[in-house]
Amino acid sequence: MKPLTSSVLVLGSTGLIGQEVIRQSPVPLYCAARRSIDDLDPKHQLLLESNLADLQFPDGLETVICCLGSTIKKAGSKQAFKAMDLDLPLGLLAKALEQGAKRLLIVSSQGASSKSLLFYNQIKGNLEDAIGLQNWQQVVIFRPSLLLGQRDEMRPVERFAQWLSPLIGFLLPIRYRPIDAHSLSSAIWHYCNNTIEPGIQVKEGKQLWIK
């Protein structure tokens, strides 16, 4: 594998946020995906693996941007959702650390907490807690509210929010306002600078709205 001039890898490259992260990228990327990516800029390198758990990470990796995420409905069951949104990311991130990665930027969810009564938020919280026990030099956790954008499959709640957000979104506390994929991806790149700042940072609310 020919190494890139950059050392950034995106997990979840075909999802709503992953696609936008790639679109806005100022640097060449390694893009990990289960399927091919249409119109991928030739400066990027696709790491295609039908089972992401088998992904081989490139040498010289420094930064991982994790945009992996599903829903209980799409996964088919709570057990399958846990496998996709907790077990799979943790396994991949452990492998990235073994390969020398130092910094992680990961999309979580508003309300993420291992103590949450909501299963979705509980899984996201468990993931955050487990990442905190891994040996990353820097972790930046993004906790957006409802994500807006053009998905392959538009979810009913999101379709309604797309319509309603311009009308009343400004009335909601900024932490709970729906945020579009472009804005969140801009925030990800804003915090993905060249300096690795040790520790765990959580970005939510107004910290996600970068002007």
Protein backbone atom coordinates (compact mmCIF):
# COMPACT_ATOMS: atom_id res chain seq x y z
CA MET A 1 0.00 0.00 0.00
CA LYS A 2 1.45 3.35 -1.02
CA PRO A 3 1.42 5.68 2.02
CA LEU A 4 -0.37 9.01 1.76
CA THR A 5 1.18 12.35 2.62
CA SER A 6 -1.45 12.60 5.35
CA SER A 7 -2.03 10.17 8.20
CA VAL A 8 -5.77 10.56 8.76
CA LEU A 9 -8.27 7.71 8.44
CA VAL A 10 -12.08 8.02 8.34
CA LEU A 11 -14.23 5.19 9.69
CA GLY A 12 -17.82 5.29 8.43
CA SER A 13 -16.92 6.86 5.10
CA THR A 14 -20.23 6.16 3.38
CA GLY A 15 -22.51 7.57 6.08
CA LEU A 16 -24.03 11.04 6.24
CA ILE A 17 -21.24 12.60 8.31
CA GLY A 18 -18.41 10.53 6.87
CA GLN A 19 -19.24 11.60 3.33
CA GLU A 20 -19.26 15.26 4.33
CA VAL A 21 -16.00 14.91 6.29
CA ILE A 22 -14.38 13.51 3.15
CA ARG A 23 -15.92 16.23 0.98
CA GLN A 24 -14.50 18.98 3.19
CA SER A 25 -11.11 17.39 3.80
CA PRO A 26 -8.13 19.70 3.23
CA VAL A 27 -5.77 16.70 3.20
CA PRO A 28 -5.58 13.25 1.58
CA LEU A 29 -7.43 10.61 3.58
CA TYR A 30 -7.63 6.88 4.06
CA CYS A 31 -11.34 6.11 3.70
CA ALA A 32 -12.48 2.83 5.26
CA ALA A 33 -15.75 1.47 3.92
CA ARG A 34 -17.73 -1.71 3.30
CA ARG A 35 -18.61 -0.63 -0.24
CA SER A 36 -17.14 1.51 -2.98
CA ILE A 37 -17.49 5.28 -2.82
CA ASP A 38 -18.75 7.03 -5.94
CA ASP A 39 -16.73 10.01 -7.18
CA LEU A 40 -14.06 9.65 -4.50
CA ASP A 41 -11.40 12.31 -5.00
CA PRO A 42 -8.27 10.58 -6.34
CA LYS A 43 -6.17 12.22 -3.62
CA HIS A 44 -7.86 9.86 -1.13
CA GLN A 45 -7.25 6.13 -0.79
CA LEU A 46 -10.13 3.71 -0.29
CA LEU A 47 -9.66 0.83 2.15
CA LEU A 48 -12.41 -1.52 1.03
CA GLU A 49 -13.41 -4.32 3.38
CA SER A 50 -16.79 -6.08 3.34
CA ASN A 51 -16.35 -6.83 7.04
CA LEU A 52 -14.86 -3.76 8.70
CA ALA A 53 -13.73 -5.88 11.64
CA ASP A 54 -11.10 -7.31 9.26
CA LEU A 55 -9.76 -3.87 8.31
CA GLN A 56 -5.98 -3.56 8.15
CA PHE A 57 -4.80 -0.14 9.23
CA PRO A 58 -2.06 1.61 7.24
CA ASP A 59 1.40 2.32 8.63
CA GLY A 60 2.11 5.80 9.91
CA LEU A 61 -1.46 6.44 11.04
CA GLU A 62 -1.85 9.35 13.45
CA THR A 63 -5.50 10.44 13.47
CA VAL A 64 -8.77 8.51 13.27
CA ILE A 65 -12.09 10.24 12.57
CA CYS A 66 -14.86 7.83 13.57
CA CYS A 67 -18.28 8.50 12.06
CA LEU A 68 -19.65 4.98 12.51
CA GLY A 69 -23.26 4.91 13.64
CA SER A 70 -26.59 3.25 13.06
CA THR A 71 -30.05 3.06 14.63
CA ILE A 72 -31.79 0.25 16.47
CA LYS A 73 -34.37 0.08 13.67
CA LYS A 74 -31.74 -0.20 10.94
CA ALA A 75 -29.66 -2.69 12.92
CA GLY A 76 -32.72 -4.86 13.50
CA SER A 77 -32.40 -5.40 17.24
CA LYS A 78 -30.80 -3.97 20.36
CA GLN A 79 -28.18 -6.71 20.29
CA ALA A 80 -27.28 -5.98 16.66
CA PHE A 81 -27.18 -2.24 17.37
CA LYS A 82 -24.77 -2.81 20.26
CA ALA A 83 -22.54 -4.90 17.98
CA MET A 84 -22.48 -2.16 15.34
CA ASP A 85 -22.24 0.93 17.52
CA LEU A 86 -20.18 -0.33 20.47
CA ASP A 87 -18.34 -3.58 19.82
CA LEU A 88 -17.24 -2.82 16.23
CA PRO A 89 -15.89 0.71 16.89
CA LEU A 90 -14.05 -0.41 20.03
CA GLY A 91 -12.37 -3.28 18.22
CA LEU A 92 -11.34 -1.08 15.30
CA LEU A 93 -10.03 1.69 17.54
CA ALA A 94 -7.96 -0.80 19.54
CA LYS A 95 -6.36 -1.96 16.29
CA ALA A 96 -5.69 1.65 15.27
CA LEU A 97 -3.88 2.24 18.56
CA GLU A 98 -1.79 -0.87 18.00
CA GLN A 99 -0.84 0.60 14.63
CA GLY A 100 0.40 3.78 16.31
CA ALA A 101 -2.58 6.13 16.08
CA LYS A 102 -2.52 8.96 18.62
CA ARG A 103 -5.63 11.08 18.14
CA LEU A 104 -9.32 10.20 17.87
CA LEU A 105 -12.20 12.40 16.81
CA ILE A 106 -15.52 10.59 17.20
CA VAL A 107 -19.16 11.44 16.59
CA SER A 108 -21.31 10.44 19.56
CA SER A 109 -24.74 11.83 20.45
CA GLN A 110 -26.35 14.48 22.61
CA GLY A 111 -27.46 12.79 25.82
CA ALA A 112 -24.84 10.05 25.64
CA SER A 113 -24.46 8.48 29.08
CA SER A 114 -23.92 4.97 30.36
CA LYS A 115 -26.54 5.81 33.01
CA SER A 116 -29.19 6.93 30.51
CA LEU A 117 -32.58 5.22 30.55
CA LEU A 118 -32.58 5.36 26.75
CA PHE A 119 -30.81 2.36 25.23
CA TYR A 120 -29.40 4.38 22.30
CA ASN A 121 -27.86 7.01 24.59
CA GLN A 122 -26.67 4.29 26.96
CA ILE A 123 -24.72 2.55 24.20
CA LYS A 124 -23.18 5.85 23.10
CA GLY A 125 -22.24 6.54 26.71
CA ASN A 126 -20.70 3.10 27.11
CA LEU A 127 -18.63 3.74 23.99
CA GLU A 128 -17.39 7.07 25.35
CA ASP A 129 -16.49 5.46 28.69
CA ALA A 130 -14.62 2.61 27.01
CA ILE A 131 -12.68 4.98 24.77
CA GLY A 132 -11.62 6.87 27.87
CA LEU A 133 -9.91 3.69 29.07
CA GLN A 134 -7.98 3.29 25.83
CA ASN A 135 -4.54 4.78 25.44
CA TRP A 136 -5.28 7.73 23.13
CA GLN A 137 -3.14 10.82 23.49
CA GLN A 138 -6.12 12.97 22.51
CA VAL A 139 -9.84 12.26 22.16
CA VAL A 140 -12.36 14.77 20.85
CA ILE A 141 -15.99 13.64 21.30
CA PHE A 142 -18.71 15.39 19.31
CA ARG A 143 -22.23 15.27 20.75
CA PRO A 144 -24.64 16.61 18.14
CA SER A 145 -28.41 16.61 18.48
CA LEU A 146 -30.51 15.37 15.56
CA LEU A 147 -28.41 15.19 12.38
CA LEU A 148 -29.80 16.72 9.21
CA GLY A 149 -28.78 16.00 5.62
CA GLN A 150 -29.50 13.87 2.58
CA ARG A 151 -29.15 10.21 3.54
CA ASP A 152 -29.56 7.18 1.32
CA GLU A 153 -32.56 6.41 3.51
CA MET A 154 -34.33 9.45 5.01
CA ARG A 155 -35.76 8.65 8.43
CA PRO A 156 -39.28 9.99 9.16
CA VAL A 157 -38.24 11.97 12.23
CA GLU A 158 -35.36 13.52 10.32
CA ARG A 159 -37.60 14.36 7.36
CA PHE A 160 -39.95 16.19 9.70
CA ALA A 161 -37.04 17.95 11.41
CA GLN A 162 -35.63 19.07 8.07
CA TRP A 163 -38.91 20.85 7.42
CA LEU A 164 -39.44 22.17 10.95
CA SER A 165 -35.92 23.26 11.88
CA PRO A 166 -35.80 26.52 9.85
CA LEU A 167 -39.13 27.54 11.41
CA ILE A 168 -38.54 26.94 15.13
CA GLY A 169 -34.98 25.63 15.49
CA PHE A 170 -33.77 28.98 16.82
CA LEU A 171 -36.21 28.66 19.73
CA LEU A 172 -34.53 25.51 21.06
CA PRO A 173 -31.55 25.63 23.44
CA ILE A 174 -28.51 25.42 21.16
CA ARG A 175 -27.48 22.06 22.66
CA TYR A 176 -30.69 20.49 21.33
CA ARG A 177 -30.92 22.16 17.94
CA PRO A 178 -30.74 19.86 14.93
CA ILE A 179 -27.45 20.32 13.10
CA ASP A 180 -26.71 19.68 9.44
CA ALA A 181 -23.91 17.41 8.28
CA HIS A 182 -21.98 20.28 6.70
CA SER A 183 -21.83 22.26 9.96
CA LEU A 184 -20.82 19.26 12.06
CA SER A 185 -18.11 18.25 9.59
CA SER A 186 -16.77 21.81 9.61
CA ALA A 187 -16.49 21.56 13.39
CA ILE A 188 -14.66 18.24 13.12
CA TRP A 189 -12.04 19.73 10.82
CA HIS A 190 -11.82 22.85 12.97
CA TYR A 191 -10.77 20.77 15.97
CA CYS A 192 -8.59 18.44 13.90
CA ASN A 193 -5.60 20.76 13.87
CA ASN A 194 -1.93 19.90 13.69
CA THR A 195 -1.36 20.12 17.43
CA ILE A 196 -2.29 17.13 19.56
CA GLU A 197 -3.65 18.42 22.86
CA PRO A 198 -3.54 15.62 25.49
CA GLY A 199 -6.74 14.56 27.20
CA ILE A 200 -10.43 14.06 26.42
CA GLN A 201 -12.52 16.94 25.11
CA VAL A 202 -16.30 16.96 24.64
CA LYS A 203 -17.75 19.31 22.04
CA GLU A 204 -21.47 20.06 22.12
CA GLY A 205 -23.91 22.93 21.81
CA LYS A 206 -22.38 26.16 20.52
CA GLN A 207 -18.97 24.45 20.19
CA LEU A 208 -20.34 22.61 17.14
CA TRP A 209 -21.39 25.77 15.34
CA ILE A 210 -18.14 27.06 13.86
CA LYS A 211 -18.47 30.33 11.94
